[in-house]
């Protein structure tokens, strides 16, 4: 029996929900450098249970708008705004089930951190130098205006594990294999 999804090529997009699409767009475009690509209008126009079956949300919830962005040489972003029929939970912490962050590879960590600070972005601590298999990498977390955690990561000379690895993790700075 074959393992994995037949024909899988990689991650197409990362979707997340924001409280204010215009605020999110300013952050994604002006601070991160994303490029707006297209927008979809409201989803859900009937009294069926489609939203619950297809998306796992309250059946009377409405997706008011979805915006798509290209962010450098990597996955696309699908950004949702919902009118939730049963309220919305706050952004989960990394330690919560479903906790997450979006890591962005940069060539120059110090220049990227300076850029974030110049845009009054909440930077969480100072860049950390990884050890062990990730030696050679530096990383730093920061928050979007709505509280979502992002990470800068950089390892221009590679990571320690790469010296003996049969398979390398993908990253945007490495040519396609």
N, C-alpha and C. Protein backbone atom coordinates (compact mmCIF):
# COMPACT_ATOMS: atom_id res chain seq x y z
N UNK A 1 0.84 -1.19 0.00
CA UNK A 1 0.00 0.00 0.00
C UNK A 1 0.88 1.24 0.00
N UNK A 2 0.57 2.19 -0.87
CA UNK A 2 1.34 3.43 -0.95
C UNK A 2 0.96 4.37 0.19
N UNK A 3 1.96 5.03 0.72
CA UNK A 3 1.71 6.01 1.79
C UNK A 3 1.54 7.39 1.17
N UNK A 4 0.69 8.18 1.77
CA UNK A 4 0.52 9.56 1.34
C UNK A 4 -0.54 9.76 0.29
N UNK A 5 -0.87 11.00 0.06
CA UNK A 5 -1.89 11.39 -0.90
C UNK A 5 -1.31 11.30 -2.31
N UNK A 6 -1.95 10.56 -3.21
CA UNK A 6 -1.44 10.46 -4.57
C UNK A 6 -1.36 11.84 -5.24
N UNK A 7 -0.23 12.12 -5.88
CA UNK A 7 -0.06 13.36 -6.63
C UNK A 7 0.25 14.58 -5.79
N UNK A 8 0.46 14.43 -4.48
CA UNK A 8 0.75 15.58 -3.62
C UNK A 8 2.03 16.27 -4.06
N UNK A 9 1.96 17.59 -4.22
CA UNK A 9 3.13 18.38 -4.63
C UNK A 9 3.61 19.33 -3.55
N UNK A 10 2.75 19.74 -2.64
CA UNK A 10 3.17 20.68 -1.59
C UNK A 10 2.02 21.52 -1.10
N UNK A 11 2.35 22.52 -0.31
CA UNK A 11 1.36 23.41 0.28
C UNK A 11 1.00 24.50 -0.73
N UNK A 12 -0.28 24.62 -1.07
CA UNK A 12 -0.75 25.63 -2.01
C UNK A 12 -0.99 26.97 -1.32
N UNK A 13 -1.67 26.92 -0.17
CA UNK A 13 -1.95 28.16 0.54
C UNK A 13 -2.14 27.90 2.02
N UNK A 14 -2.06 28.96 2.78
CA UNK A 14 -2.33 28.93 4.21
C UNK A 14 -3.50 29.87 4.43
N UNK A 15 -4.56 29.37 5.05
CA UNK A 15 -5.74 30.18 5.29
C UNK A 15 -5.85 30.53 6.76
N UNK A 16 -6.26 31.76 7.03
CA UNK A 16 -6.51 32.17 8.41
C UNK A 16 -7.56 33.27 8.44
N UNK A 17 -8.18 33.41 9.60
CA UNK A 17 -9.27 34.36 9.79
C UNK A 17 -8.77 35.57 10.55
N UNK A 18 -9.23 36.75 10.13
CA UNK A 18 -8.85 38.00 10.78
C UNK A 18 -10.10 38.77 11.19
N UNK A 19 -9.99 39.66 12.18
CA UNK A 19 -11.16 40.44 12.59
C UNK A 19 -11.44 41.63 11.67
N UNK A 20 -10.43 42.10 10.92
CA UNK A 20 -10.58 43.28 10.08
C UNK A 20 -9.72 43.08 8.82
N UNK A 21 -10.37 42.88 7.68
CA UNK A 21 -9.64 42.60 6.45
C UNK A 21 -8.78 43.77 5.98
N UNK A 22 -9.26 45.00 6.16
CA UNK A 22 -8.47 46.15 5.72
C UNK A 22 -7.21 46.30 6.57
N UNK A 23 -7.33 46.11 7.88
CA UNK A 23 -6.17 46.15 8.76
C UNK A 23 -5.19 45.04 8.38
N UNK A 24 -5.72 43.85 8.13
CA UNK A 24 -4.87 42.72 7.75
C UNK A 24 -4.16 43.01 6.43
N UNK A 25 -4.87 43.58 5.48
CA UNK A 25 -4.24 43.88 4.20
C UNK A 25 -3.13 44.91 4.35
N UNK A 26 -3.34 45.94 5.15
CA UNK A 26 -2.28 46.92 5.39
C UNK A 26 -1.03 46.23 5.95
N UNK A 27 -1.22 45.35 6.92
CA UNK A 27 -0.10 44.63 7.51
C UNK A 27 0.57 43.70 6.50
N UNK A 28 -0.24 42.88 5.84
CA UNK A 28 0.32 41.91 4.90
C UNK A 28 1.04 42.57 3.73
N UNK A 29 0.47 43.65 3.21
CA UNK A 29 1.04 44.32 2.04
C UNK A 29 2.15 45.30 2.45
N UNK A 30 1.84 46.21 3.37
CA UNK A 30 2.79 47.28 3.70
C UNK A 30 3.96 46.81 4.55
N UNK A 31 3.73 45.85 5.44
CA UNK A 31 4.80 45.39 6.34
C UNK A 31 5.48 44.13 5.80
N UNK A 32 4.68 43.12 5.43
CA UNK A 32 5.28 41.86 4.99
C UNK A 32 5.65 41.85 3.51
N UNK A 33 4.98 42.67 2.70
CA UNK A 33 5.28 42.72 1.27
C UNK A 33 4.45 41.79 0.42
N UNK A 34 3.33 41.31 0.95
CA UNK A 34 2.43 40.45 0.16
C UNK A 34 1.82 41.25 -0.99
N UNK A 35 1.43 40.54 -2.03
CA UNK A 35 0.80 41.16 -3.19
C UNK A 35 -0.64 40.67 -3.27
N UNK A 36 -1.63 41.60 -3.25
CA UNK A 36 -3.03 41.18 -3.40
C UNK A 36 -3.25 40.57 -4.78
N UNK A 37 -4.00 39.46 -4.83
CA UNK A 37 -4.23 38.80 -6.11
C UNK A 37 -5.70 38.86 -6.50
N UNK A 38 -6.60 38.36 -5.64
CA UNK A 38 -8.03 38.46 -5.94
C UNK A 38 -8.85 38.33 -4.68
N UNK A 39 -10.14 38.64 -4.81
CA UNK A 39 -11.08 38.64 -3.69
C UNK A 39 -12.31 37.84 -4.07
N UNK A 40 -12.87 37.12 -3.08
CA UNK A 40 -14.16 36.44 -3.25
C UNK A 40 -15.17 37.08 -2.31
N UNK A 41 -16.38 37.21 -2.78
CA UNK A 41 -17.45 37.82 -1.99
C UNK A 41 -18.04 36.82 -1.01
N UNK A 42 -19.10 37.23 -0.35
CA UNK A 42 -19.76 36.47 0.71
C UNK A 42 -20.10 35.04 0.32
N UNK A 43 -19.97 34.14 1.31
CA UNK A 43 -20.33 32.73 1.14
C UNK A 43 -21.43 32.39 2.14
N UNK A 44 -22.46 31.73 1.71
CA UNK A 44 -23.59 31.21 2.45
C UNK A 44 -24.81 32.07 2.20
N UNK A 45 -25.69 31.52 1.44
CA UNK A 45 -26.87 32.28 1.08
C UNK A 45 -28.16 31.51 1.29
N UNK A 46 -28.10 30.47 2.13
CA UNK A 46 -29.31 29.69 2.35
C UNK A 46 -29.38 29.23 3.80
N UNK A 47 -30.39 28.47 4.13
CA UNK A 47 -30.57 28.00 5.50
C UNK A 47 -30.15 26.54 5.68
N UNK A 48 -29.28 26.06 4.82
CA UNK A 48 -28.82 24.68 4.91
C UNK A 48 -27.73 24.55 5.99
N UNK A 49 -27.20 23.35 6.10
CA UNK A 49 -26.10 23.13 7.05
C UNK A 49 -24.76 23.08 6.31
N UNK A 50 -24.69 23.68 5.12
CA UNK A 50 -23.49 23.67 4.29
C UNK A 50 -22.26 24.17 5.06
N UNK A 51 -22.37 25.27 5.77
CA UNK A 51 -21.22 25.84 6.49
C UNK A 51 -20.69 24.87 7.54
N UNK A 52 -21.59 24.15 8.20
CA UNK A 52 -21.17 23.19 9.22
C UNK A 52 -20.52 21.98 8.56
N UNK A 53 -21.16 21.46 7.51
CA UNK A 53 -20.65 20.26 6.85
C UNK A 53 -19.31 20.54 6.15
N UNK A 54 -19.24 21.63 5.41
CA UNK A 54 -18.05 21.91 4.60
C UNK A 54 -16.91 22.56 5.38
N UNK A 55 -17.23 23.43 6.36
CA UNK A 55 -16.20 24.21 7.04
C UNK A 55 -16.12 23.98 8.55
N UNK A 56 -17.06 23.22 9.11
CA UNK A 56 -17.01 22.93 10.53
C UNK A 56 -17.35 24.10 11.43
N UNK A 57 -18.14 25.05 10.93
CA UNK A 57 -18.55 26.21 11.73
C UNK A 57 -20.08 26.19 11.90
N UNK A 58 -20.57 27.06 12.76
CA UNK A 58 -22.02 27.16 12.99
C UNK A 58 -22.72 27.34 11.64
N UNK A 59 -23.83 26.65 11.41
CA UNK A 59 -24.49 26.69 10.10
C UNK A 59 -24.99 28.07 9.68
N UNK A 60 -25.17 28.99 10.61
CA UNK A 60 -25.64 30.33 10.25
C UNK A 60 -24.49 31.34 10.12
N UNK A 61 -23.27 30.86 10.24
CA UNK A 61 -22.09 31.72 10.07
C UNK A 61 -21.95 32.10 8.60
N UNK A 62 -21.45 33.30 8.36
CA UNK A 62 -21.27 33.81 7.00
C UNK A 62 -19.81 34.19 6.80
N UNK A 63 -19.22 33.75 5.70
CA UNK A 63 -17.92 34.27 5.28
C UNK A 63 -18.24 35.56 4.53
N UNK A 64 -17.84 36.70 5.07
CA UNK A 64 -18.20 37.96 4.43
C UNK A 64 -17.30 38.28 3.24
N UNK A 65 -16.03 37.86 3.32
CA UNK A 65 -15.11 38.11 2.22
C UNK A 65 -13.86 37.26 2.42
N UNK A 66 -13.23 36.90 1.30
CA UNK A 66 -11.96 36.18 1.32
C UNK A 66 -11.01 36.92 0.38
N UNK A 67 -9.79 37.19 0.87
CA UNK A 67 -8.79 37.84 0.04
C UNK A 67 -7.58 36.92 -0.10
N UNK A 68 -7.03 36.87 -1.31
CA UNK A 68 -5.87 36.03 -1.60
C UNK A 68 -4.65 36.89 -1.89
N UNK A 69 -3.50 36.44 -1.38
CA UNK A 69 -2.25 37.17 -1.51
C UNK A 69 -1.13 36.22 -1.91
N UNK A 70 -0.19 36.76 -2.65
CA UNK A 70 1.07 36.05 -2.93
C UNK A 70 2.10 36.65 -2.01
N UNK A 71 2.88 35.79 -1.35
CA UNK A 71 3.89 36.26 -0.41
C UNK A 71 5.23 35.66 -0.79
N UNK A 72 6.02 36.41 -1.56
CA UNK A 72 7.34 35.94 -1.95
C UNK A 72 7.28 34.65 -2.74
N UNK A 73 8.28 33.80 -2.51
CA UNK A 73 8.41 32.53 -3.22
C UNK A 73 7.98 31.41 -2.28
N UNK A 74 6.70 31.28 -2.05
CA UNK A 74 6.21 30.26 -1.14
C UNK A 74 4.71 30.14 -1.24
N UNK A 75 4.11 29.64 -0.20
CA UNK A 75 2.67 29.43 -0.19
C UNK A 75 1.90 30.74 -0.28
N UNK A 76 0.74 30.66 -0.88
CA UNK A 76 -0.17 31.81 -0.96
C UNK A 76 -0.92 31.93 0.37
N UNK A 77 -1.51 33.09 0.60
CA UNK A 77 -2.31 33.33 1.80
C UNK A 77 -3.77 33.52 1.41
N UNK A 78 -4.67 32.85 2.13
CA UNK A 78 -6.12 32.98 1.95
C UNK A 78 -6.65 33.55 3.26
N UNK A 79 -7.09 34.80 3.22
CA UNK A 79 -7.45 35.51 4.45
C UNK A 79 -8.97 35.71 4.49
N UNK A 80 -9.57 35.17 5.55
CA UNK A 80 -11.03 35.16 5.71
C UNK A 80 -11.50 36.22 6.70
N UNK A 81 -12.71 36.71 6.45
CA UNK A 81 -13.45 37.45 7.47
C UNK A 81 -14.82 36.78 7.60
N UNK A 82 -15.17 36.43 8.84
CA UNK A 82 -16.44 35.76 9.12
C UNK A 82 -17.34 36.65 9.96
N UNK A 83 -18.64 36.52 9.75
CA UNK A 83 -19.65 36.93 10.73
C UNK A 83 -20.08 35.63 11.38
N UNK A 84 -19.53 35.36 12.55
CA UNK A 84 -19.73 34.09 13.22
C UNK A 84 -21.02 34.10 14.01
N UNK A 85 -21.88 33.13 13.77
CA UNK A 85 -23.18 33.06 14.43
C UNK A 85 -23.09 32.69 15.90
N UNK A 86 -21.96 32.12 16.32
CA UNK A 86 -21.84 31.70 17.72
C UNK A 86 -20.60 32.28 18.41
N UNK A 87 -20.13 33.44 17.95
CA UNK A 87 -19.00 34.11 18.57
C UNK A 87 -17.67 33.59 18.05
N UNK A 88 -16.61 34.27 18.43
CA UNK A 88 -15.28 33.89 17.99
C UNK A 88 -14.35 33.78 19.18
N UNK A 89 -13.50 32.77 19.17
CA UNK A 89 -12.51 32.58 20.22
C UNK A 89 -11.31 33.47 19.93
N UNK A 90 -10.54 33.82 20.95
CA UNK A 90 -9.32 34.60 20.71
C UNK A 90 -8.27 33.76 19.99
N UNK A 91 -7.27 34.43 19.44
CA UNK A 91 -6.15 33.75 18.78
C UNK A 91 -5.53 32.75 19.75
N UNK A 92 -5.36 31.47 19.36
CA UNK A 92 -4.76 30.50 20.28
C UNK A 92 -3.27 30.76 20.47
N UNK A 93 -2.77 30.38 21.63
CA UNK A 93 -1.34 30.43 21.89
C UNK A 93 -0.70 29.22 21.19
N UNK A 94 0.60 29.25 21.01
CA UNK A 94 1.28 28.10 20.41
C UNK A 94 1.06 26.83 21.22
N UNK A 95 0.90 26.95 22.54
CA UNK A 95 0.73 25.78 23.39
C UNK A 95 -0.69 25.23 23.38
N UNK A 96 -1.65 25.94 22.77
CA UNK A 96 -3.03 25.47 22.68
C UNK A 96 -3.19 24.50 21.52
N UNK A 97 -4.15 23.57 21.64
CA UNK A 97 -4.49 22.71 20.52
C UNK A 97 -4.90 23.63 19.36
N UNK A 98 -4.33 23.42 18.22
CA UNK A 98 -4.60 24.30 17.08
C UNK A 98 -3.72 25.54 17.07
N UNK A 99 -2.87 25.70 18.08
CA UNK A 99 -1.94 26.81 18.09
C UNK A 99 -1.05 26.74 16.86
N UNK A 100 -0.60 27.87 16.40
CA UNK A 100 0.14 27.89 15.15
C UNK A 100 0.96 29.17 15.03
N UNK A 101 1.82 29.19 14.07
CA UNK A 101 2.51 30.40 13.65
C UNK A 101 2.85 30.24 12.17
N UNK A 102 3.12 31.34 11.52
CA UNK A 102 3.48 31.34 10.12
C UNK A 102 4.92 31.81 10.02
N UNK A 103 5.83 30.93 9.59
CA UNK A 103 7.25 31.25 9.53
C UNK A 103 7.61 31.78 8.14
N UNK A 104 8.34 32.90 8.13
CA UNK A 104 8.75 33.55 6.89
C UNK A 104 10.27 33.52 6.81
N UNK A 105 10.81 32.94 5.74
CA UNK A 105 12.25 32.91 5.56
C UNK A 105 12.73 34.26 5.06
N UNK A 106 13.80 34.78 5.68
CA UNK A 106 14.43 36.03 5.24
C UNK A 106 15.92 35.80 5.04
N UNK A 107 16.51 36.57 4.13
CA UNK A 107 17.94 36.46 3.87
C UNK A 107 18.76 37.12 4.96
N UNK A 108 18.26 38.23 5.52
CA UNK A 108 19.02 39.01 6.50
C UNK A 108 18.13 39.26 7.72
N UNK A 109 18.36 38.49 8.77
CA UNK A 109 17.54 38.59 9.98
C UNK A 109 17.58 39.99 10.57
N UNK A 110 18.75 40.58 10.69
CA UNK A 110 18.86 41.88 11.34
C UNK A 110 18.11 42.96 10.56
N UNK A 111 18.21 42.95 9.25
CA UNK A 111 17.49 43.91 8.42
C UNK A 111 15.98 43.71 8.54
N UNK A 112 15.54 42.44 8.59
CA UNK A 112 14.11 42.14 8.72
C UNK A 112 13.56 42.61 10.06
N UNK A 113 14.31 42.39 11.14
CA UNK A 113 13.88 42.83 12.47
C UNK A 113 13.80 44.36 12.49
N UNK A 114 14.80 45.03 11.94
CA UNK A 114 14.79 46.50 11.90
C UNK A 114 13.56 47.00 11.13
N UNK A 115 13.20 46.32 10.05
CA UNK A 115 12.02 46.69 9.26
C UNK A 115 10.74 46.56 10.11
N UNK A 116 10.61 45.45 10.82
CA UNK A 116 9.44 45.27 11.68
C UNK A 116 9.36 46.36 12.74
N UNK A 117 10.46 46.64 13.39
CA UNK A 117 10.48 47.67 14.44
C UNK A 117 10.15 49.04 13.87
N UNK A 118 10.62 49.33 12.67
CA UNK A 118 10.32 50.61 12.02
C UNK A 118 8.84 50.75 11.71
N UNK A 119 8.12 49.62 11.61
CA UNK A 119 6.68 49.62 11.35
C UNK A 119 5.88 49.39 12.63
N UNK A 120 6.52 49.55 13.79
CA UNK A 120 5.87 49.41 15.10
C UNK A 120 5.21 48.05 15.30
N UNK A 121 5.81 47.01 14.74
CA UNK A 121 5.30 45.65 14.91
C UNK A 121 5.80 45.12 16.25
N UNK A 122 4.93 44.39 16.97
CA UNK A 122 5.32 43.79 18.24
C UNK A 122 6.27 42.63 17.97
N UNK A 123 7.54 42.83 18.32
CA UNK A 123 8.57 41.81 18.18
C UNK A 123 8.72 41.13 19.53
N UNK A 124 8.75 39.82 19.53
CA UNK A 124 8.77 39.04 20.77
C UNK A 124 10.20 38.61 21.10
N UNK A 125 10.89 39.41 21.90
CA UNK A 125 12.25 39.08 22.30
C UNK A 125 13.26 39.47 21.24
N UNK A 126 14.41 38.77 21.28
CA UNK A 126 15.52 39.00 20.37
C UNK A 126 15.73 37.75 19.52
N UNK A 127 16.40 37.88 18.36
CA UNK A 127 16.67 36.70 17.55
C UNK A 127 17.40 35.63 18.37
N UNK A 128 16.99 34.38 18.14
CA UNK A 128 17.54 33.23 18.86
C UNK A 128 18.38 32.41 17.88
N UNK A 129 19.58 32.04 18.32
CA UNK A 129 20.43 31.14 17.52
C UNK A 129 20.10 29.71 17.91
N UNK A 130 19.66 28.92 16.95
CA UNK A 130 19.29 27.53 17.21
C UNK A 130 20.53 26.68 17.46
N UNK A 131 20.32 25.53 18.08
CA UNK A 131 21.40 24.59 18.36
C UNK A 131 21.02 23.22 17.80
N UNK A 132 21.90 22.25 17.99
CA UNK A 132 21.63 20.88 17.56
C UNK A 132 21.45 20.79 16.06
N UNK A 133 20.46 20.03 15.62
CA UNK A 133 20.22 19.82 14.20
C UNK A 133 19.89 21.11 13.46
N UNK A 134 19.39 22.12 14.18
CA UNK A 134 19.03 23.40 13.56
C UNK A 134 20.13 24.46 13.69
N UNK A 135 21.30 24.09 14.18
CA UNK A 135 22.40 25.05 14.29
C UNK A 135 22.64 25.70 12.93
N UNK A 136 22.92 27.00 12.96
CA UNK A 136 23.06 27.77 11.73
C UNK A 136 21.83 28.61 11.44
N UNK A 137 20.77 28.35 12.16
CA UNK A 137 19.51 29.06 11.99
C UNK A 137 19.34 30.10 13.09
N UNK A 138 18.75 31.24 12.73
CA UNK A 138 18.29 32.23 13.70
C UNK A 138 16.80 32.42 13.47
N UNK A 139 16.06 32.70 14.55
CA UNK A 139 14.63 32.88 14.43
C UNK A 139 14.14 33.91 15.45
N UNK A 140 12.96 34.45 15.17
CA UNK A 140 12.33 35.45 16.04
C UNK A 140 10.84 35.48 15.75
N UNK A 141 10.03 35.49 16.81
CA UNK A 141 8.58 35.60 16.66
C UNK A 141 8.16 37.07 16.71
N UNK A 142 7.04 37.36 16.02
CA UNK A 142 6.41 38.68 16.09
C UNK A 142 4.92 38.50 15.91
N UNK A 143 4.15 39.55 16.26
CA UNK A 143 2.69 39.45 16.19
C UNK A 143 2.11 40.43 15.18
N UNK A 144 1.06 39.98 14.54
CA UNK A 144 0.28 40.86 13.66
C UNK A 144 -0.57 41.77 14.53
N UNK A 145 -1.18 42.79 13.95
CA UNK A 145 -2.06 43.66 14.74
C UNK A 145 -3.23 42.92 15.40
N UNK A 146 -3.66 41.79 14.84
CA UNK A 146 -4.78 41.05 15.43
C UNK A 146 -4.29 39.93 16.36
N UNK A 147 -2.99 39.82 16.59
CA UNK A 147 -2.45 38.88 17.56
C UNK A 147 -1.91 37.57 17.02
N UNK A 148 -2.03 37.34 15.72
CA UNK A 148 -1.50 36.11 15.14
C UNK A 148 0.03 36.12 15.20
N UNK A 149 0.59 34.97 15.57
CA UNK A 149 2.04 34.88 15.66
C UNK A 149 2.66 34.52 14.32
N UNK A 150 3.70 35.27 13.98
CA UNK A 150 4.52 35.01 12.81
C UNK A 150 5.94 34.78 13.30
N UNK A 151 6.78 34.22 12.45
CA UNK A 151 8.17 33.99 12.80
C UNK A 151 9.05 34.39 11.62
N UNK A 152 10.16 35.03 11.92
CA UNK A 152 11.21 35.21 10.93
C UNK A 152 12.20 34.08 11.15
N UNK A 153 12.70 33.50 10.08
CA UNK A 153 13.70 32.44 10.19
C UNK A 153 14.73 32.67 9.09
N UNK A 154 16.01 32.44 9.43
CA UNK A 154 17.07 32.62 8.45
C UNK A 154 18.20 31.63 8.74
N UNK A 155 18.69 31.01 7.69
CA UNK A 155 19.84 30.12 7.80
C UNK A 155 20.59 30.13 6.47
N UNK A 156 21.21 31.28 6.15
CA UNK A 156 21.84 31.45 4.83
C UNK A 156 22.95 30.45 4.52
N UNK A 157 23.61 29.92 5.54
CA UNK A 157 24.66 28.92 5.31
C UNK A 157 24.13 27.50 5.56
N UNK A 158 22.84 27.35 5.72
CA UNK A 158 22.24 26.05 5.96
C UNK A 158 22.16 25.71 7.44
N UNK A 159 21.57 24.55 7.73
CA UNK A 159 21.44 24.05 9.10
C UNK A 159 22.35 22.84 9.26
N UNK A 160 22.72 22.56 10.49
CA UNK A 160 23.63 21.46 10.79
C UNK A 160 23.14 20.12 10.24
N UNK A 161 21.86 19.82 10.34
CA UNK A 161 21.34 18.51 9.92
C UNK A 161 21.60 18.25 8.44
N UNK A 162 21.74 19.34 7.64
CA UNK A 162 21.86 19.19 6.19
C UNK A 162 23.16 18.48 5.77
N UNK A 163 24.16 18.47 6.63
CA UNK A 163 25.46 17.86 6.28
C UNK A 163 25.33 16.37 5.98
N UNK A 164 24.46 15.66 6.70
CA UNK A 164 24.35 14.21 6.54
C UNK A 164 22.98 13.76 6.05
N UNK A 165 22.07 14.68 5.80
CA UNK A 165 20.68 14.31 5.52
C UNK A 165 20.49 13.79 4.10
N UNK A 166 19.71 12.73 3.99
CA UNK A 166 19.33 12.20 2.68
C UNK A 166 18.23 13.05 2.06
N UNK A 167 17.40 13.66 2.91
CA UNK A 167 16.30 14.52 2.47
C UNK A 167 16.42 15.84 3.21
N UNK A 168 16.33 16.94 2.47
CA UNK A 168 16.40 18.27 3.08
C UNK A 168 15.01 18.88 3.15
N UNK A 169 14.75 19.61 4.22
CA UNK A 169 13.52 20.38 4.29
C UNK A 169 13.54 21.43 3.19
N UNK A 170 12.37 21.72 2.61
CA UNK A 170 12.27 22.75 1.59
C UNK A 170 12.37 24.12 2.24
N UNK A 171 13.00 25.06 1.57
CA UNK A 171 12.90 26.46 1.96
C UNK A 171 13.07 27.34 0.73
N UNK A 172 12.53 28.56 0.78
CA UNK A 172 12.46 29.40 -0.42
C UNK A 172 13.80 29.76 -1.03
N UNK A 173 14.88 29.77 -0.27
CA UNK A 173 16.17 30.19 -0.80
C UNK A 173 16.89 29.06 -1.54
N UNK A 174 16.43 27.84 -1.41
CA UNK A 174 17.09 26.70 -2.06
C UNK A 174 16.45 26.47 -3.44
N UNK A 175 17.27 26.24 -4.46
CA UNK A 175 16.69 25.95 -5.77
C UNK A 175 15.83 24.69 -5.72
N UNK A 176 14.85 24.63 -6.60
CA UNK A 176 13.96 23.45 -6.66
C UNK A 176 14.79 22.21 -6.96
N UNK A 177 14.39 21.10 -6.33
CA UNK A 177 15.13 19.84 -6.53
C UNK A 177 14.52 19.03 -7.64
